Amino acid sequence: MVTYWFSPPVPVKTEGPGLTHHVNNAVAAANELLKWTNRGPHWNLAVRVCVTVIADEMEPEEARKAFLAAAEEEGKLIRAGG
């Protein structure tokens, strides 16, 4: 199965306390997005971009950018050093 890798991974908080998930491909990003409850404009765009990447109509780096913005919007993004 093709997963549409991107780099560097996007570190996000998980449901488990103190756990980090390093998302590094469009499939994992789409799966992670579906777990989130705040579905704002960045979430909506990220879902659409991930689907487009998985359909081979966009580069995986675009999924990374959109997922990063959605993670920040959701409050799930873990910043380096923090």
PDB file of N, CA and C in Angstrom:
ATOM      1  N   MET A   1       0.843  -1.183   0.000  1.00  0.00           N
ATOM      2  CA  MET A   1       0.000   0.000   0.000  1.00  0.00           C
ATOM      3  C   MET A   1       0.885   1.242   0.000  1.00  0.00           C
ATOM      4  N   VAL A   2       0.588   2.177  -0.861  1.00  0.00           N
ATOM      5  CA  VAL A   2       1.323   3.437  -0.923  1.00  0.00           C
ATOM      6  C   VAL A   2       0.815   4.343   0.198  1.00  0.00           C
ATOM      7  N   THR A   3       1.733   4.985   0.899  1.00  0.00           N
ATOM      8  CA  THR A   3       1.320   5.841   2.021  1.00  0.00           C
ATOM      9  C   THR A   3       1.627   7.314   1.809  1.00  0.00           C
ATOM     10  N   TYR A   4       2.361   7.663   0.756  1.00  0.00           N
ATOM     11  CA  TYR A   4       2.609   9.057   0.425  1.00  0.00           C
ATOM     12  C   TYR A   4       3.375   9.781   1.526  1.00  0.00           C
ATOM     13  N   TRP A   5       4.628   9.376   1.690  1.00  0.00           N
ATOM     14  CA  TRP A   5       5.512   9.869   2.738  1.00  0.00           C
ATOM     15  C   TRP A   5       5.853  11.340   2.573  1.00  0.00           C
ATOM     16  N   PHE A   6       6.023  12.014   3.723  1.00  0.00           N
ATOM     17  CA  PHE A   6       6.569  13.365   3.734  1.00  0.00           C
ATOM     18  C   PHE A   6       7.542  13.493   4.895  1.00  0.00           C
ATOM     19  N   SER A   7       8.392  14.513   4.819  1.00  0.00           N
ATOM     20  CA  SER A   7       9.416  14.710   5.833  1.00  0.00           C
ATOM     21  C   SER A   7       9.679  16.202   5.986  1.00  0.00           C
ATOM     22  N   PRO A   8       9.934  16.655   7.204  1.00  0.00           N
ATOM     23  CA  PRO A   8       9.993  15.893   8.440  1.00  0.00           C
ATOM     24  C   PRO A   8       8.590  15.564   8.954  1.00  0.00           C
ATOM     25  N   PRO A   9       8.507  14.571   9.842  1.00  0.00           N
ATOM     26  CA  PRO A   9       7.217  14.219  10.439  1.00  0.00           C
ATOM     27  C   PRO A   9       6.637  15.378  11.253  1.00  0.00           C
ATOM     28  N   VAL A  10       5.334  15.370  11.409  1.00  0.00           N
ATOM     29  CA  VAL A  10       4.638  16.377  12.212  1.00  0.00           C
ATOM     30  C   VAL A  10       4.290  15.732  13.550  1.00  0.00           C
ATOM     31  N   PRO A  11       4.886  16.230  14.656  1.00  0.00           N
ATOM     32  CA  PRO A  11       4.589  15.654  15.969  1.00  0.00           C
ATOM     33  C   PRO A  11       3.291  16.223  16.545  1.00  0.00           C
ATOM     34  N   VAL A  12       2.379  15.336  16.917  1.00  0.00           N
ATOM     35  CA  VAL A  12       1.100  15.760  17.488  1.00  0.00           C
ATOM     36  C   VAL A  12       0.814  15.009  18.781  1.00  0.00           C
ATOM     37  N   LYS A  13       0.053  15.662  19.642  1.00  0.00           N
ATOM     38  CA  LYS A  13      -0.395  15.027  20.892  1.00  0.00           C
ATOM     39  C   LYS A  13      -1.411  13.952  20.549  1.00  0.00           C
ATOM     40  N   THR A  14      -1.408  12.887  21.339  1.00  0.00           N
ATOM     41  CA  THR A  14      -2.376  11.811  21.159  1.00  0.00           C
ATOM     42  C   THR A  14      -3.344  11.804  22.332  1.00  0.00           C
ATOM     43  N   GLU A  15      -4.292  10.890  22.304  1.00  0.00           N
ATOM     44  CA  GLU A  15      -5.262  10.778  23.389  1.00  0.00           C
ATOM     45  C   GLU A  15      -4.602  10.348  24.692  1.00  0.00           C
ATOM     46  N   GLY A  16      -3.547   9.554  24.607  1.00  0.00           N
ATOM     47  CA  GLY A  16      -2.825   9.118  25.804  1.00  0.00           C
ATOM     48  C   GLY A  16      -1.993  10.254  26.365  1.00  0.00           C
ATOM     49  N   PRO A  17      -2.027  10.482  27.669  1.00  0.00           N
ATOM     50  CA  PRO A  17      -1.278  11.585  28.256  1.00  0.00           C
ATOM     51  C   PRO A  17       0.223  11.432  28.037  1.00  0.00           C
ATOM     52  N   GLY A  18       0.838  12.505  27.549  1.00  0.00           N
ATOM     53  CA  GLY A  18       2.280  12.529  27.368  1.00  0.00           C
ATOM     54  C   GLY A  18       2.788  11.769  26.153  1.00  0.00           C
ATOM     55  N   LEU A  19       1.890  11.256  25.325  1.00  0.00           N
ATOM     56  CA  LEU A  19       2.308  10.500  24.153  1.00  0.00           C
ATOM     57  C   LEU A  19       2.300  11.391  22.912  1.00  0.00           C
ATOM     58  N   THR A  20       3.258  11.151  22.033  1.00  0.00           N
ATOM     59  CA  THR A  20       3.379  11.907  20.788  1.00  0.00           C
ATOM     60  C   THR A  20       3.283  10.954  19.612  1.00  0.00           C
ATOM     61  N   HIS A  21       2.565  11.363  18.599  1.00  0.00           N
ATOM     62  CA  HIS A  21       2.477  10.605  17.346  1.00  0.00           C
ATOM     63  C   HIS A  21       3.203  11.432  16.293  1.00  0.00           C
ATOM     64  N   HIS A  22       4.199  10.841  15.655  1.00  0.00           N
ATOM     65  CA  HIS A  22       4.957  11.523  14.604  1.00  0.00           C
ATOM     66  C   HIS A  22       4.359  11.124  13.263  1.00  0.00           C
ATOM     67  N   VAL A  23       3.520  11.978  12.721  1.00  0.00           N
ATOM     68  CA  VAL A  23       2.815  11.703  11.472  1.00  0.00           C
ATOM     69  C   VAL A  23       3.738  12.022  10.305  1.00  0.00           C
ATOM     70  N   ASN A  24       3.967  11.028   9.417  1.00  0.00           N
ATOM     71  CA  ASN A  24       4.929  11.223   8.336  1.00  0.00           C
ATOM     72  C   ASN A  24       4.414  10.818   6.956  1.00  0.00           C
ATOM     73  N   ASN A  25       3.090  10.677   6.824  1.00  0.00           N
ATOM     74  CA  ASN A  25       2.542  10.360   5.507  1.00  0.00           C
ATOM     75  C   ASN A  25       1.074  10.778   5.441  1.00  0.00           C
ATOM     76  N   ALA A  26       0.566  10.885   4.218  1.00  0.00           N
ATOM     77  CA  ALA A  26      -0.787  11.397   4.002  1.00  0.00           C
ATOM     78  C   ALA A  26      -1.861  10.466   4.551  1.00  0.00           C
ATOM     79  N   VAL A  27      -1.632   9.172   4.504  1.00  0.00           N
ATOM     80  CA  VAL A  27      -2.614   8.221   5.026  1.00  0.00           C
ATOM     81  C   VAL A  27      -2.734   8.352   6.547  1.00  0.00           C
ATOM     82  N   ALA A  28      -1.592   8.410   7.232  1.00  0.00           N
ATOM     83  CA  ALA A  28      -1.602   8.580   8.692  1.00  0.00           C
ATOM     84  C   ALA A  28      -2.196   9.931   9.067  1.00  0.00           C
ATOM     85  N   ALA A  29      -1.907  10.966   8.279  1.00  0.00           N
ATOM     86  CA  ALA A  29      -2.463  12.291   8.560  1.00  0.00           C
ATOM     87  C   ALA A  29      -3.987  12.261   8.454  1.00  0.00           C
ATOM     88  N   ALA A  30      -4.503  11.638   7.396  1.00  0.00           N
ATOM     89  CA  ALA A  30      -5.955  11.546   7.229  1.00  0.00           C
ATOM     90  C   ALA A  30      -6.588  10.779   8.384  1.00  0.00           C
ATOM     91  N   ASN A  31      -5.974   9.669   8.781  1.00  0.00           N
ATOM     92  CA  ASN A  31      -6.502   8.886   9.907  1.00  0.00           C
ATOM     93  C   ASN A  31      -6.496   9.682  11.195  1.00  0.00           C
ATOM     94  N   GLU A  32      -5.433  10.438  11.431  1.00  0.00           N
ATOM     95  CA  GLU A  32      -5.338  11.257  12.639  1.00  0.00           C
ATOM     96  C   GLU A  32      -6.394  12.367  12.620  1.00  0.00           C
ATOM     97  N   LEU A  33      -6.570  13.003  11.481  1.00  0.00           N
ATOM     98  CA  LEU A  33      -7.559  14.080  11.362  1.00  0.00           C
ATOM     99  C   LEU A  33      -8.958  13.592  11.725  1.00  0.00           C
ATOM    100  N   LEU A  34      -9.287  12.376  11.347  1.00  0.00           N
ATOM    101  CA  LEU A  34     -10.625  11.849  11.615  1.00  0.00           C
ATOM    102  C   LEU A  34     -10.894  11.623  13.101  1.00  0.00           C
ATOM    103  N   LYS A  35      -9.856  11.617  13.926  1.00  0.00           N
ATOM    104  CA  LYS A  35     -10.007  11.439  15.377  1.00  0.00           C
ATOM    105  C   LYS A  35     -10.308  12.758  16.091  1.00  0.00           C
ATOM    106  N   TRP A  36     -10.070  13.870  15.437  1.00  0.00           N
ATOM    107  CA  TRP A  36     -10.164  15.176  16.094  1.00  0.00           C
ATOM    108  C   TRP A  36     -11.598  15.688  16.148  1.00  0.00           C
ATOM    109  N   THR A  37     -11.886  16.473  17.174  1.00  0.00           N
ATOM    110  CA  THR A  37     -13.248  16.964  17.374  1.00  0.00           C
ATOM    111  C   THR A  37     -13.464  18.385  16.848  1.00  0.00           C
ATOM    112  N   ASN A  38     -12.464  19.246  16.922  1.00  0.00           N
ATOM    113  CA  ASN A  38     -12.594  20.609  16.409  1.00  0.00           C
ATOM    114  C   ASN A  38     -12.294  20.594  14.925  1.00  0.00           C
ATOM    115  N   ARG A  39     -13.312  20.747  14.136  1.00  0.00           N
ATOM    116  CA  ARG A  39     -13.142  20.613  12.691  1.00  0.00           C
ATOM    117  C   ARG A  39     -13.326  21.966  12.022  1.00  0.00           C
ATOM    118  N   GLY A  40     -12.277  22.786  12.161  1.00  0.00           N
ATOM    119  CA  GLY A  40     -12.293  24.129  11.606  1.00  0.00           C
ATOM    120  C   GLY A  40     -11.855  24.159  10.160  1.00  0.00           C
ATOM    121  N   PRO A  41     -11.614  25.358   9.636  1.00  0.00           N
ATOM    122  CA  PRO A  41     -11.244  25.516   8.230  1.00  0.00           C
ATOM    123  C   PRO A  41      -9.939  24.806   7.847  1.00  0.00           C
ATOM    124  N   HIS A  42      -8.944  24.813   8.740  1.00  0.00           N
ATOM    125  CA  HIS A  42      -7.678  24.131   8.426  1.00  0.00           C
ATOM    126  C   HIS A  42      -7.868  22.619   8.428  1.00  0.00           C
ATOM    127  N   TRP A  43      -8.712  22.122   9.321  1.00  0.00           N
ATOM    128  CA  TRP A  43      -9.025  20.690   9.342  1.00  0.00           C
ATOM    129  C   TRP A  43      -9.674  20.286   8.022  1.00  0.00           C
ATOM    130  N   ASN A  44     -10.661  21.069   7.614  1.00  0.00           N
ATOM    131  CA  ASN A  44     -11.387  20.781   6.379  1.00  0.00           C
ATOM    132  C   ASN A  44     -10.439  20.745   5.187  1.00  0.00           C
ATOM    133  N   LEU A  45      -9.566  21.736   5.079  1.00  0.00           N
ATOM    134  CA  LEU A  45      -8.605  21.783   3.983  1.00  0.00           C
ATOM    135  C   LEU A  45      -7.653  20.587   4.044  1.00  0.00           C
ATOM    136  N   ALA A  46      -7.162  20.271   5.240  1.00  0.00           N
ATOM    137  CA  ALA A  46      -6.217  19.167   5.398  1.00  0.00           C
ATOM    138  C   ALA A  46      -6.823  17.837   4.958  1.00  0.00           C
ATOM    139  N   VAL A  47      -8.071  17.599   5.300  1.00  0.00           N
ATOM    140  CA  VAL A  47      -8.743  16.366   4.873  1.00  0.00           C
ATOM    141  C   VAL A  47      -8.814  16.317   3.349  1.00  0.00           C
ATOM    142  N   ARG A  48      -9.215  17.422   2.737  1.00  0.00           N
ATOM    143  CA  ARG A  48      -9.327  17.461   1.278  1.00  0.00           C
ATOM    144  C   ARG A  48      -7.967  17.278   0.604  1.00  0.00           C
ATOM    145  N   VAL A  49      -6.932  17.898   1.168  1.00  0.00           N
ATOM    146  CA  VAL A  49      -5.589  17.766   0.595  1.00  0.00           C
ATOM    147  C   VAL A  49      -5.091  16.327   0.735  1.00  0.00           C
ATOM    148  N   CYS A  50      -5.283  15.715   1.898  1.00  0.00           N
ATOM    149  CA  CYS A  50      -4.847  14.326   2.090  1.00  0.00           C
ATOM    150  C   CYS A  50      -5.518  13.400   1.078  1.00  0.00           C
ATOM    151  N   VAL A  51      -6.804  13.574   0.859  1.00  0.00           N
ATOM    152  CA  VAL A  51      -7.522  12.753  -0.106  1.00  0.00           C
ATOM    153  C   VAL A  51      -6.964  12.979  -1.513  1.00  0.00           C
ATOM    154  N   THR A  52      -6.663  14.229  -1.834  1.00  0.00           N
ATOM    155  CA  THR A  52      -6.119  14.549  -3.153  1.00  0.00           C
ATOM    156  C   THR A  52      -4.733  13.933  -3.339  1.00  0.00           C
ATOM    157  N   VAL A  53      -3.922  13.962  -2.289  1.00  0.00           N
ATOM    158  CA  VAL A  53      -2.598  13.333  -2.346  1.00  0.00           C
ATOM    159  C   VAL A  53      -2.741  11.829  -2.539  1.00  0.00           C
ATOM    160  N   ILE A  54      -3.623  11.214  -1.779  1.00  0.00           N
ATOM    161  CA  ILE A  54      -3.836   9.770  -1.877  1.00  0.00           C
ATOM    162  C   ILE A  54      -4.342   9.386  -3.272  1.00  0.00           C
ATOM    163  N   ALA A  55      -5.031  10.305  -3.933  1.00  0.00           N
ATOM    164  CA  ALA A  55      -5.512  10.067  -5.301  1.00  0.00           C
ATOM    165  C   ALA A  55      -4.426  10.363  -6.342  1.00  0.00           C
ATOM    166  N   ASP A  56      -3.201  10.637  -5.885  1.00  0.00           N
ATOM    167  CA  ASP A  56      -2.062  10.932  -6.767  1.00  0.00           C
ATOM    168  C   ASP A  56      -2.260  12.199  -7.601  1.00  0.00           C
ATOM    169  N   GLU A  57      -2.972  13.164  -7.038  1.00  0.00           N
ATOM    170  CA  GLU A  57      -3.224  14.407  -7.756  1.00  0.00           C
ATOM    171  C   GLU A  57      -2.495  15.592  -7.138  1.00  0.00           C
ATOM    172  N   MET A  58      -1.698  15.344  -6.097  1.00  0.00           N
ATOM    173  CA  MET A  58      -0.963  16.395  -5.405  1.00  0.00           C
ATOM    174  C   MET A  58       0.234  15.744  -4.725  1.00  0.00           C
ATOM    175  N   GLU A  59       1.265  16.518  -4.465  1.00  0.00           N
ATOM    176  CA  GLU A  59       2.476  15.998  -3.823  1.00  0.00           C
ATOM    177  C   GLU A  59       2.272  15.827  -2.312  1.00  0.00           C
ATOM    178  N   PRO A  60       2.895  14.808  -1.698  1.00  0.00           N
ATOM    179  CA  PRO A  60       2.758  14.561  -0.260  1.00  0.00           C
ATOM    180  C   PRO A  60       3.139  15.765   0.611  1.00  0.00           C
ATOM    181  N   GLU A  61       4.073  16.580   0.173  1.00  0.00           N
ATOM    182  CA  GLU A  61       4.472  17.747   0.967  1.00  0.00           C
ATOM    183  C   GLU A  61       3.291  18.693   1.199  1.00  0.00           C
ATOM    184  N   GLU A  62       2.364  18.729   0.267  1.00  0.00           N
ATOM    185  CA  GLU A  62       1.168  19.572   0.441  1.00  0.00           C
ATOM    186  C   GLU A  62       0.308  19.036   1.582  1.00  0.00           C
ATOM    187  N   ALA A  63       0.249  17.721   1.735  1.00  0.00           N
ATOM    188  CA  ALA A  63      -0.486  17.124   2.858  1.00  0.00           C
ATOM    189  C   ALA A  63       0.186  17.491   4.171  1.00  0.00           C
ATOM    190  N   ARG A  64       1.513  17.492   4.181  1.00  0.00           N
ATOM    191  CA  ARG A  64       2.244  17.858   5.391  1.00  0.00           C
ATOM    192  C   ARG A  64       1.920  19.288   5.804  1.00  0.00           C
ATOM    193  N   LYS A  65       1.972  20.209   4.847  1.00  0.00           N
ATOM    194  CA  LYS A  65       1.691  21.617   5.144  1.00  0.00           C
ATOM    195  C   LYS A  65       0.270  21.793   5.687  1.00  0.00           C
ATOM    196  N   ALA A  66      -0.687  21.166   5.034  1.00  0.00           N
ATOM    197  CA  ALA A  66      -2.083  21.298   5.456  1.00  0.00           C
ATOM    198  C   ALA A  66      -2.309  20.640   6.814  1.00  0.00           C
ATOM    199  N   PHE A  67      -1.693  19.477   7.038  1.00  0.00           N
ATOM    200  CA  PHE A  67      -1.831  18.787   8.325  1.00  0.00           C
ATOM    201  C   PHE A  67      -1.200  19.600   9.445  1.00  0.00           C
ATOM    202  N   LEU A  68      -0.061  20.202   9.180  1.00  0.00           N
ATOM    203  CA  LEU A  68       0.618  21.048  10.164  1.00  0.00           C
ATOM    204  C   LEU A  68      -0.290  22.199  10.601  1.00  0.00           C
ATOM    205  N   ALA A  69      -0.915  22.862   9.643  1.00  0.00           N
ATOM    206  CA  ALA A  69      -1.828  23.974   9.964  1.00  0.00           C
ATOM    207  C   ALA A  69      -3.040  23.476  10.756  1.00  0.00           C
ATOM    208  N   ALA A  70      -3.564  22.316  10.385  1.00  0.00           N
ATOM    209  CA  ALA A  70      -4.713  21.756  11.103  1.00  0.00           C
ATOM    210  C   ALA A  70      -4.334  21.362  12.526  1.00  0.00           C
ATOM    211  N   ALA A  71      -3.140  20.791  12.695  1.00  0.00           N
ATOM    212  CA  ALA A  71      -2.677  20.401  14.035  1.00  0.00           C
ATOM    213  C   ALA A  71      -2.515  21.628  14.919  1.00  0.00           C
ATOM    214  N   GLU A  72      -2.028  22.699  14.346  1.00  0.00           N
ATOM    215  CA  GLU A  72      -1.889  23.940  15.116  1.00  0.00           C
ATOM    216  C   GLU A  72      -3.266  24.485  15.487  1.00  0.00           C
ATOM    217  N   GLU A  73      -4.193  24.486  14.542  1.00  0.00           N
ATOM    218  CA  GLU A  73      -5.560  24.945  14.779  1.00  0.00           C
ATOM    219  C   GLU A  73      -6.234  24.126  15.887  1.00  0.00           C
ATOM    220  N   GLU A  74      -5.980  22.831  15.901  1.00  0.00           N
ATOM    221  CA  GLU A  74      -6.594  21.912  16.863  1.00  0.00           C
ATOM    222  C   GLU A  74      -5.930  21.981  18.237  1.00  0.00           C
ATOM    223  N   GLY A  75      -4.729  22.579  18.300  1.00  0.00           N
ATOM    224  CA  GLY A  75      -3.984  22.600  19.563  1.00  0.00           C
ATOM    225  C   GLY A  75      -3.252  21.291  19.824  1.00  0.00           C
ATOM    226  N   LYS A  76      -3.021  20.519  18.771  1.00  0.00           N
ATOM    227  CA  LYS A  76      -2.362  19.215  18.897  1.00  0.00           C
ATOM    228  C   LYS A  76      -0.890  19.256  18.514  1.00  0.00           C
ATOM    229  N   LEU A  77      -0.458  20.317  17.858  1.00  0.00           N
ATOM    230  CA  LEU A  77       0.910  20.402  17.375  1.00  0.00           C
ATOM    231  C   LEU A  77       1.885  20.508  18.540  1.00  0.00           C
ATOM    232  N   ILE A  78       2.941  19.705  18.495  1.00  0.00           N
ATOM    233  CA  ILE A  78       4.008  19.779  19.491  1.00  0.00           C
ATOM    234  C   ILE A  78       5.190  20.450  18.812  1.00  0.00           C
ATOM    235  N   ARG A  79       5.551  21.603  19.302  1.00  0.00           N
ATOM    236  CA  ARG A  79       6.648  22.374  18.731  1.00  0.00           C
ATOM    237  C   ARG A  79       7.986  21.866  19.239  1.00  0.00           C
ATOM    238  N   ALA A  80       9.015  21.955  18.406  1.00  0.00           N
ATOM    239  CA  ALA A  80      10.357  21.542  18.790  1.00  0.00           C
ATOM    240  C   ALA A  80      10.806  22.305  20.029  1.00  0.00           C
ATOM    241  N   GLY A  81      11.354  21.579  20.977  1.00  0.00           N
ATOM    242  CA  GLY A  81      11.830  22.201  22.213  1.00  0.00           C
ATOM    243  C   GLY A  81      10.733  22.510  23.194  1.00  0.00           C
ATOM    244  N   GLY A  82       9.504  22.132  22.897  1.00  0.00           N
ATOM    245  CA  GLY A  82       8.417  22.462  23.798  1.00  0.00           C
ATOM    246  C   GLY A  82       7.402  21.453  23.752  1.00  0.00           C
TER     247      GLY A  82
END
